[in-house]
């Protein structure tokens, strides 16, 4: 069976090497690049993200990453965003009193978590929906989070008869926040699957299987 071709988007974000190794471990042929043709033609695009929302958006904009992600999503080509790579898919991030525009693939604002202890760092449970593909077989596992901000209200308009509503997974730290979204070709997790041990590797395998189908 052919190994899926996955591009890890190289736009200046940290923590890409662990993502490359994890994807290779579960059977992907991985390229770390920002080349437009490679990004567009890959079976899957992995968008990492470490740091502040606005800084990540600036780095992404500098290499036309938002345009590349948008083209793939519009064409039904799979994208997986992780951590801040998930957050930037929303309309806006609000950090340290400053608002910054995101890619706007989903409505919603990334805000500071309402918890006594921030950042939220460590292993936590998630609550995936019954129709999940990403968490199939690992619904009760723990995943590794490192973040101070998240989306705490899901505002997607489901009153669109021709569109299947996204599958939304929640977790809790102080209050509820989005841990993952599965929305056709666009998938994202707030936690780091590449740092989540066997559960994270199983999740990446599930994503790779979705590329084959």
Foldseek 3Di string as FASTA:
>chain_A
DDAFEEEEEPQPAPDVVLVQVLLVVLGHDYDHYLDLVSLQPGLEYEYEHDDDLQVRVVSCVVSVNLVSVVVCVVVLRAYEYEASRVVLCEQWEADPNDIDGGSHVFYFYKAFDQAPDPPPFAWFAKAWDPPDLLCVPPNGPIFTAHHGIFTQDHDGDPPDVVADDWTWMWTDHNHIGTQWIGGRRYIYGNTDLSPGPPSSSSSSSSVSVVSVD
